[in-house]
């Protein structure tokens, strides 16, 4: 029965590609036959960090004197109007979940190549408040975390960290305003189970670190927890 449907399906995909050819999510140029979601030219130009290779780096310095991390990394540097902003906007605000998983796999591949991340037990995405997640239809941190999980073979377990306050967008707030807005907005579900775990905490973009700091403080109140951080992008 399979052979009866594979040819029509392939023909239909080819028909649609004539009118809606796949384009690069970074530059909107046409993708080649062997390219997926992001063209080779943009992949070569994306501003990658090497944070995953260094226990102390620009990201970890954001948290000095604030929370104790084992280490942390970001896949890309973020600049306004750049390719990385366009990719994250396409994923986060236009609901391109395939792109989110793709970026997560890229981050997972980077982490998987570093001995600094070899002993992780689980991945915890920064949660959205249920009201916000219902509005958006998905939690972007959970989506790309599942991409990381698929590469590392480490479970992504949303629901163990809860967002208790609907704090709204952080985009236009000052550094102190961001911290004040989220400082007490998270809680741990099932502290006993999390005890002693080595956790990779994930978020999409790190700007001031206020959201990750608030999450980290809740998690580090659990006995024996050790914490790593990973984001798709880092704002210098």
C-alpha atoms as a PDB file:
ATOM      1  CA  UNK A   1       0.000   0.000   0.000  1.00  0.00           C
ATOM      2  CA  UNK A   2       2.878   2.372   0.722  1.00  0.00           C
ATOM      3  CA  UNK A   3       3.939   2.526  -2.933  1.00  0.00           C
ATOM      4  CA  UNK A   4       0.471   3.695  -3.951  1.00  0.00           C
ATOM      5  CA  UNK A   5       0.878   6.913  -2.002  1.00  0.00           C
ATOM      6  CA  UNK A   6       4.546   7.812  -2.106  1.00  0.00           C
ATOM      7  CA  UNK A   7       4.535   8.962  -5.735  1.00  0.00           C
ATOM      8  CA  UNK A   8       1.394  11.151  -5.451  1.00  0.00           C
ATOM      9  CA  UNK A   9       2.769  12.702  -2.253  1.00  0.00           C
ATOM     10  CA  UNK A  10       6.102  13.440  -3.910  1.00  0.00           C
ATOM     11  CA  UNK A  11       4.334  14.918  -6.936  1.00  0.00           C
ATOM     12  CA  UNK A  12       2.197  17.121  -4.682  1.00  0.00           C
ATOM     13  CA  UNK A  13       5.265  18.406  -2.822  1.00  0.00           C
ATOM     14  CA  UNK A  14       6.948  19.149  -6.144  1.00  0.00           C
ATOM     15  CA  UNK A  15       3.838  20.975  -7.379  1.00  0.00           C
ATOM     16  CA  UNK A  16       3.712  23.214  -4.303  1.00  0.00           C
ATOM     17  CA  UNK A  17       7.448  23.875  -4.468  1.00  0.00           C
ATOM     18  CA  UNK A  18       6.954  25.394  -7.931  1.00  0.00           C
ATOM     19  CA  UNK A  19       4.713  28.108  -6.482  1.00  0.00           C
ATOM     20  CA  UNK A  20       6.083  28.256  -2.922  1.00  0.00           C
ATOM     21  CA  UNK A  21       9.779  27.369  -3.184  1.00  0.00           C
ATOM     22  CA  UNK A  22      11.550  26.858   0.167  1.00  0.00           C
ATOM     23  CA  UNK A  23      13.516  29.886   1.295  1.00  0.00           C
ATOM     24  CA  UNK A  24      16.254  30.493   3.837  1.00  0.00           C
ATOM     25  CA  UNK A  25      14.856  31.669   7.161  1.00  0.00           C
ATOM     26  CA  UNK A  26      17.799  34.036   7.642  1.00  0.00           C
ATOM     27  CA  UNK A  27      18.060  35.812   4.277  1.00  0.00           C
ATOM     28  CA  UNK A  28      14.851  34.738   2.438  1.00  0.00           C
ATOM     29  CA  UNK A  29      16.899  33.561  -0.540  1.00  0.00           C
ATOM     30  CA  UNK A  30      15.950  30.305  -2.265  1.00  0.00           C
ATOM     31  CA  UNK A  31      17.293  27.133  -0.672  1.00  0.00           C
ATOM     32  CA  UNK A  32      19.268  24.629  -2.702  1.00  0.00           C
ATOM     33  CA  UNK A  33      18.135  21.029  -3.024  1.00  0.00           C
ATOM     34  CA  UNK A  34      20.433  19.838  -0.233  1.00  0.00           C
ATOM     35  CA  UNK A  35      19.838  22.814   2.094  1.00  0.00           C
ATOM     36  CA  UNK A  36      17.442  22.731   5.045  1.00  0.00           C
ATOM     37  CA  UNK A  37      15.830  25.837   6.587  1.00  0.00           C
ATOM     38  CA  UNK A  38      19.029  27.924   6.475  1.00  0.00           C
ATOM     39  CA  UNK A  39      21.199  28.302   3.378  1.00  0.00           C
ATOM     40  CA  UNK A  40      24.876  27.361   3.388  1.00  0.00           C
ATOM     41  CA  UNK A  41      25.948  30.983   2.898  1.00  0.00           C
ATOM     42  CA  UNK A  42      24.053  32.135   6.001  1.00  0.00           C
ATOM     43  CA  UNK A  43      25.259  29.157   8.046  1.00  0.00           C
ATOM     44  CA  UNK A  44      28.811  30.217   7.256  1.00  0.00           C
ATOM     45  CA  UNK A  45      28.127  33.806   8.350  1.00  0.00           C
ATOM     46  CA  UNK A  46      26.153  33.165  11.548  1.00  0.00           C
ATOM     47  CA  UNK A  47      28.088  34.665  14.496  1.00  0.00           C
ATOM     48  CA  UNK A  48      28.748  31.572  16.576  1.00  0.00           C
ATOM     49  CA  UNK A  49      30.299  31.721  20.017  1.00  0.00           C
ATOM     50  CA  UNK A  50      32.806  29.251  21.395  1.00  0.00           C
ATOM     51  CA  UNK A  51      31.467  29.510  24.948  1.00  0.00           C
ATOM     52  CA  UNK A  52      30.881  25.743  25.130  1.00  0.00           C
ATOM     53  CA  UNK A  53      34.650  25.207  25.070  1.00  0.00           C
ATOM     54  CA  UNK A  54      35.469  27.531  27.982  1.00  0.00           C
ATOM     55  CA  UNK A  55      34.197  27.128  31.579  1.00  0.00           C
ATOM     56  CA  UNK A  56      34.463  30.906  32.097  1.00  0.00           C
ATOM     57  CA  UNK A  57      33.214  33.113  29.276  1.00  0.00           C
ATOM     58  CA  UNK A  58      31.122  36.193  28.500  1.00  0.00           C
ATOM     59  CA  UNK A  59      27.909  34.427  29.499  1.00  0.00           C
ATOM     60  CA  UNK A  60      29.139  33.076  32.830  1.00  0.00           C
ATOM     61  CA  UNK A  61      30.468  36.519  33.743  1.00  0.00           C
ATOM     62  CA  UNK A  62      26.900  37.859  33.571  1.00  0.00           C
ATOM     63  CA  UNK A  63      26.092  35.675  36.599  1.00  0.00           C
ATOM     64  CA  UNK A  64      29.175  36.324  38.712  1.00  0.00           C
ATOM     65  CA  UNK A  65      28.062  37.225  42.236  1.00  0.00           C
ATOM     66  CA  UNK A  66      24.446  36.400  41.374  1.00  0.00           C
ATOM     67  CA  UNK A  67      24.096  32.606  41.076  1.00  0.00           C
ATOM     68  CA  UNK A  68      26.499  29.664  41.056  1.00  0.00           C
ATOM     69  CA  UNK A  69      26.729  27.959  37.672  1.00  0.00           C
ATOM     70  CA  UNK A  70      28.953  25.086  36.612  1.00  0.00           C
ATOM     71  CA  UNK A  71      29.256  26.848  33.243  1.00  0.00           C
ATOM     72  CA  UNK A  72      27.062  28.173  30.452  1.00  0.00           C
ATOM     73  CA  UNK A  73      26.930  28.688  26.715  1.00  0.00           C
ATOM     74  CA  UNK A  74      25.089  30.351  23.851  1.00  0.00           C
ATOM     75  CA  UNK A  75      25.049  29.197  20.252  1.00  0.00           C
ATOM     76  CA  UNK A  76      25.163  32.652  18.634  1.00  0.00           C
ATOM     77  CA  UNK A  77      25.850  36.300  19.343  1.00  0.00           C
ATOM     78  CA  UNK A  78      22.689  38.385  18.948  1.00  0.00           C
ATOM     79  CA  UNK A  79      22.671  41.739  17.166  1.00  0.00           C
ATOM     80  CA  UNK A  80      19.658  43.825  16.272  1.00  0.00           C
ATOM     81  CA  UNK A  81      18.720  43.413  12.614  1.00  0.00           C
ATOM     82  CA  UNK A  82      21.148  40.535  12.098  1.00  0.00           C
ATOM     83  CA  UNK A  83      20.629  37.009  10.839  1.00  0.00           C
ATOM     84  CA  UNK A  84      20.247  35.580  14.335  1.00  0.00           C
ATOM     85  CA  UNK A  85      17.455  38.018  15.184  1.00  0.00           C
ATOM     86  CA  UNK A  86      15.644  37.043  11.983  1.00  0.00           C
ATOM     87  CA  UNK A  87      15.953  33.345  12.778  1.00  0.00           C
ATOM     88  CA  UNK A  88      14.664  33.738  16.321  1.00  0.00           C
ATOM     89  CA  UNK A  89      11.828  36.019  15.182  1.00  0.00           C
ATOM     90  CA  UNK A  90      10.765  33.462  12.564  1.00  0.00           C
ATOM     91  CA  UNK A  91      10.768  30.717  15.165  1.00  0.00           C
ATOM     92  CA  UNK A  92       9.392  32.558  18.196  1.00  0.00           C
ATOM     93  CA  UNK A  93       6.834  34.927  16.695  1.00  0.00           C
ATOM     94  CA  UNK A  94       5.864  33.219  13.440  1.00  0.00           C
ATOM     95  CA  UNK A  95       5.629  29.748  14.945  1.00  0.00           C
ATOM     96  CA  UNK A  96       8.210  27.997  12.775  1.00  0.00           C
ATOM     97  CA  UNK A  97       8.656  25.040  15.109  1.00  0.00           C
ATOM     98  CA  UNK A  98      10.751  23.079  12.612  1.00  0.00           C
ATOM     99  CA  UNK A  99      13.276  25.915  12.724  1.00  0.00           C
ATOM    100  CA  UNK A 100      13.226  25.851  16.534  1.00  0.00           C
ATOM    101  CA  UNK A 101      14.031  22.138  16.581  1.00  0.00           C
ATOM    102  CA  UNK A 102      16.734  22.684  13.962  1.00  0.00           C
ATOM    103  CA  UNK A 103      18.410  25.400  16.052  1.00  0.00           C
ATOM    104  CA  UNK A 104      18.128  23.174  19.116  1.00  0.00           C
ATOM    105  CA  UNK A 105      19.917  20.375  17.298  1.00  0.00           C
ATOM    106  CA  UNK A 106      22.686  22.814  16.360  1.00  0.00           C
ATOM    107  CA  UNK A 107      23.064  23.823  20.010  1.00  0.00           C
ATOM    108  CA  UNK A 108      22.961  20.181  21.105  1.00  0.00           C
ATOM    109  CA  UNK A 109      25.714  19.316  18.636  1.00  0.00           C
ATOM    110  CA  UNK A 110      27.924  22.092  20.022  1.00  0.00           C
ATOM    111  CA  UNK A 111      27.306  21.036  23.633  1.00  0.00           C
ATOM    112  CA  UNK A 112      27.800  17.377  22.802  1.00  0.00           C
ATOM    113  CA  UNK A 113      31.287  18.141  21.538  1.00  0.00           C
ATOM    114  CA  UNK A 114      32.400  19.624  24.862  1.00  0.00           C
ATOM    115  CA  UNK A 115      33.482  17.636  27.946  1.00  0.00           C
ATOM    116  CA  UNK A 116      32.111  20.479  30.093  1.00  0.00           C
ATOM    117  CA  UNK A 117      28.582  19.155  29.433  1.00  0.00           C
ATOM    118  CA  UNK A 118      29.195  15.416  29.650  1.00  0.00           C
ATOM    119  CA  UNK A 119      27.467  14.705  32.966  1.00  0.00           C
ATOM    120  CA  UNK A 120      23.998  16.244  32.538  1.00  0.00           C
ATOM    121  CA  UNK A 121      20.901  14.443  33.845  1.00  0.00           C
ATOM    122  CA  UNK A 122      18.095  16.494  32.292  1.00  0.00           C
ATOM    123  CA  UNK A 123      17.123  19.628  30.401  1.00  0.00           C
ATOM    124  CA  UNK A 124      14.732  22.160  31.934  1.00  0.00           C
ATOM    125  CA  UNK A 125      13.367  24.889  29.639  1.00  0.00           C
ATOM    126  CA  UNK A 126      12.434  28.232  31.166  1.00  0.00           C
ATOM    127  CA  UNK A 127       8.635  27.972  31.445  1.00  0.00           C
ATOM    128  CA  UNK A 128       6.018  30.376  30.154  1.00  0.00           C
ATOM    129  CA  UNK A 129       3.043  31.219  32.297  1.00  0.00           C
ATOM    130  CA  UNK A 130       0.082  29.030  31.185  1.00  0.00           C
ATOM    131  CA  UNK A 131      -1.790  32.128  29.981  1.00  0.00           C
ATOM    132  CA  UNK A 132       1.137  33.217  27.790  1.00  0.00           C
ATOM    133  CA  UNK A 133       1.739  29.715  26.477  1.00  0.00           C
ATOM    134  CA  UNK A 134      -1.923  29.356  25.532  1.00  0.00           C
ATOM    135  CA  UNK A 135      -1.752  32.659  23.631  1.00  0.00           C
ATOM    136  CA  UNK A 136       1.411  31.689  21.742  1.00  0.00           C
ATOM    137  CA  UNK A 137       0.512  28.026  21.308  1.00  0.00           C
ATOM    138  CA  UNK A 138       3.935  26.749  22.383  1.00  0.00           C
ATOM    139  CA  UNK A 139       6.876  27.454  24.668  1.00  0.00           C
ATOM    140  CA  UNK A 140       9.837  28.366  22.468  1.00  0.00           C
ATOM    141  CA  UNK A 141      12.369  27.228  25.088  1.00  0.00           C
ATOM    142  CA  UNK A 142      10.737  23.815  25.289  1.00  0.00           C
ATOM    143  CA  UNK A 143      10.723  23.419  21.501  1.00  0.00           C
ATOM    144  CA  UNK A 144      14.423  24.007  20.945  1.00  0.00           C
ATOM    145  CA  UNK A 145      15.233  22.082  24.138  1.00  0.00           C
ATOM    146  CA  UNK A 146      13.648  19.045  22.516  1.00  0.00           C
ATOM    147  CA  UNK A 147      16.068  19.581  19.644  1.00  0.00           C
ATOM    148  CA  UNK A 148      18.951  19.551  22.140  1.00  0.00           C
ATOM    149  CA  UNK A 149      17.505  16.441  23.761  1.00  0.00           C
ATOM    150  CA  UNK A 150      17.313  14.586  20.451  1.00  0.00           C
ATOM    151  CA  UNK A 151      21.074  15.072  19.949  1.00  0.00           C
ATOM    152  CA  UNK A 152      22.310  14.480  23.493  1.00  0.00           C
ATOM    153  CA  UNK A 153      19.867  11.727  24.455  1.00  0.00           C
ATOM    154  CA  UNK A 154      19.120  13.578  27.699  1.00  0.00           C
ATOM    155  CA  UNK A 155      15.439  13.984  28.635  1.00  0.00           C
ATOM    156  CA  UNK A 156      13.731  17.376  28.340  1.00  0.00           C
ATOM    157  CA  UNK A 157      11.332  17.592  31.280  1.00  0.00           C
ATOM    158  CA  UNK A 158       9.089  20.680  31.307  1.00  0.00           C
ATOM    159  CA  UNK A 159       6.741  20.914  34.248  1.00  0.00           C
ATOM    160  CA  UNK A 160       9.404  20.543  36.930  1.00  0.00           C
ATOM    161  CA  UNK A 161       9.956  24.307  36.916  1.00  0.00           C
ATOM    162  CA  UNK A 162       6.792  26.419  37.051  1.00  0.00           C
ATOM    163  CA  UNK A 163       6.110  30.054  36.230  1.00  0.00           C
ATOM    164  CA  UNK A 164       3.816  31.269  38.996  1.00  0.00           C
ATOM    165  CA  UNK A 165       3.345  34.879  37.840  1.00  0.00           C
ATOM    166  CA  UNK A 166       2.303  36.205  34.441  1.00  0.00           C
ATOM    167  CA  UNK A 167       5.074  38.784  34.207  1.00  0.00           C
ATOM    168  CA  UNK A 168       4.547  39.776  30.577  1.00  0.00           C
ATOM    169  CA  UNK A 169       7.251  40.722  28.095  1.00  0.00           C
ATOM    170  CA  UNK A 170      10.717  41.742  29.274  1.00  0.00           C
ATOM    171  CA  UNK A 171      11.683  43.399  25.981  1.00  0.00           C
ATOM    172  CA  UNK A 172      11.261  47.070  26.915  1.00  0.00           C
ATOM    173  CA  UNK A 173      12.237  46.889  30.580  1.00  0.00           C
ATOM    174  CA  UNK A 174      15.456  48.195  32.121  1.00  0.00           C
ATOM    175  CA  UNK A 175      17.982  45.809  33.656  1.00  0.00           C
ATOM    176  CA  UNK A 176      16.623  46.373  37.165  1.00  0.00           C
ATOM    177  CA  UNK A 177      13.050  46.306  35.844  1.00  0.00           C
ATOM    178  CA  UNK A 178      13.660  42.894  34.279  1.00  0.00           C
ATOM    179  CA  UNK A 179      15.028  41.521  37.534  1.00  0.00           C
ATOM    180  CA  UNK A 180      12.210  43.048  39.604  1.00  0.00           C
ATOM    181  CA  UNK A 181       9.623  41.700  37.165  1.00  0.00           C
ATOM    182  CA  UNK A 182      10.656  38.044  37.452  1.00  0.00           C
ATOM    183  CA  UNK A 183      12.562  37.761  40.746  1.00  0.00           C
ATOM    184  CA  UNK A 184       9.867  35.761  42.529  1.00  0.00           C
ATOM    185  CA  UNK A 185       7.988  34.376  39.541  1.00  0.00           C
ATOM    186  CA  UNK A 186       9.170  30.739  39.538  1.00  0.00           C
ATOM    187  CA  UNK A 187       8.745  27.650  41.696  1.00  0.00           C
ATOM    188  CA  UNK A 188      10.060  24.088  41.656  1.00  0.00           C
ATOM    189  CA  UNK A 189       7.684  21.169  41.279  1.00  0.00           C
ATOM    190  CA  UNK A 190       8.826  17.906  42.963  1.00  0.00           C
ATOM    191  CA  UNK A 191      11.907  19.038  44.875  1.00  0.00           C
ATOM    192  CA  UNK A 192      12.556  15.516  46.147  1.00  0.00           C
ATOM    193  CA  UNK A 193      12.917  14.124  42.622  1.00  0.00           C
ATOM    194  CA  UNK A 194      15.180  16.991  41.522  1.00  0.00           C
ATOM    195  CA  UNK A 195      17.500  16.565  44.512  1.00  0.00           C
ATOM    196  CA  UNK A 196      21.075  15.958  43.403  1.00  0.00           C
ATOM    197  CA  UNK A 197      20.328  16.399  39.683  1.00  0.00           C
ATOM    198  CA  UNK A 198      22.675  17.996  37.156  1.00  0.00           C
ATOM    199  CA  UNK A 199      20.431  20.308  35.166  1.00  0.00           C
ATOM    200  CA  UNK A 200      20.818  22.177  31.880  1.00  0.00           C
ATOM    201  CA  UNK A 201      18.567  25.255  32.119  1.00  0.00           C
ATOM    202  CA  UNK A 202      17.629  26.692  28.716  1.00  0.00           C
ATOM    203  CA  UNK A 203      16.217  29.964  27.388  1.00  0.00           C
ATOM    204  CA  UNK A 204      16.097  31.595  23.957  1.00  0.00           C
ATOM    205  CA  UNK A 205      18.060  34.861  24.329  1.00  0.00           C
ATOM    206  CA  UNK A 206      20.200  36.072  27.217  1.00  0.00           C
ATOM    207  CA  UNK A 207      20.198  39.854  27.622  1.00  0.00           C
ATOM    208  CA  UNK A 208      20.473  40.805  31.296  1.00  0.00           C
ATOM    209  CA  UNK A 209      20.117  37.279  32.652  1.00  0.00           C
ATOM    210  CA  UNK A 210      17.246  38.274  34.958  1.00  0.00           C
ATOM    211  CA  UNK A 211      14.909  35.435  33.962  1.00  0.00           C
ATOM    212  CA  UNK A 212      17.605  32.776  34.129  1.00  0.00           C
ATOM    213  CA  UNK A 213      18.789  34.158  37.484  1.00  0.00           C
ATOM    214  CA  UNK A 214      15.296  33.876  38.931  1.00  0.00           C
ATOM    215  CA  UNK A 215      14.935  30.301  37.650  1.00  0.00           C
ATOM    216  CA  UNK A 216      18.395  29.386  38.901  1.00  0.00           C
ATOM    217  CA  UNK A 217      17.698  30.698  42.387  1.00  0.00           C
ATOM    218  CA  UNK A 218      14.610  28.488  42.632  1.00  0.00           C
ATOM    219  CA  UNK A 219      16.460  25.410  41.386  1.00  0.00           C
ATOM    220  CA  UNK A 220      19.555  25.929  43.531  1.00  0.00           C
ATOM    221  CA  UNK A 221      17.371  25.904  46.641  1.00  0.00           C
ATOM    222  CA  UNK A 222      16.949  22.181  45.979  1.00  0.00           C
ATOM    223  CA  UNK A 223      19.542  20.088  47.802  1.00  0.00           C
ATOM    224  CA  UNK A 224      22.467  18.954  45.669  1.00  0.00           C
ATOM    225  CA  UNK A 225      21.376  20.542  42.393  1.00  0.00           C
ATOM    226  CA  UNK A 226      24.122  21.601  39.992  1.00  0.00           C
ATOM    227  CA  UNK A 227      23.263  23.964  37.178  1.00  0.00           C
ATOM    228  CA  UNK A 228      24.419  24.595  33.627  1.00  0.00           C
ATOM    229  CA  UNK A 229      22.853  27.208  31.296  1.00  0.00           C
ATOM    230  CA  UNK A 230      22.397  27.224  27.506  1.00  0.00           C
ATOM    231  CA  UNK A 231      20.676  29.740  25.248  1.00  0.00           C
ATOM    232  CA  UNK A 232      20.291  30.114  21.519  1.00  0.00           C
ATOM    233  CA  UNK A 233      21.699  33.633  21.556  1.00  0.00           C
ATOM    234  CA  UNK A 234      23.673  36.023  23.738  1.00  0.00           C
ATOM    235  CA  UNK A 235      23.473  39.803  23.612  1.00  0.00           C
ATOM    236  CA  UNK A 236      26.987  41.211  24.147  1.00  0.00           C
END
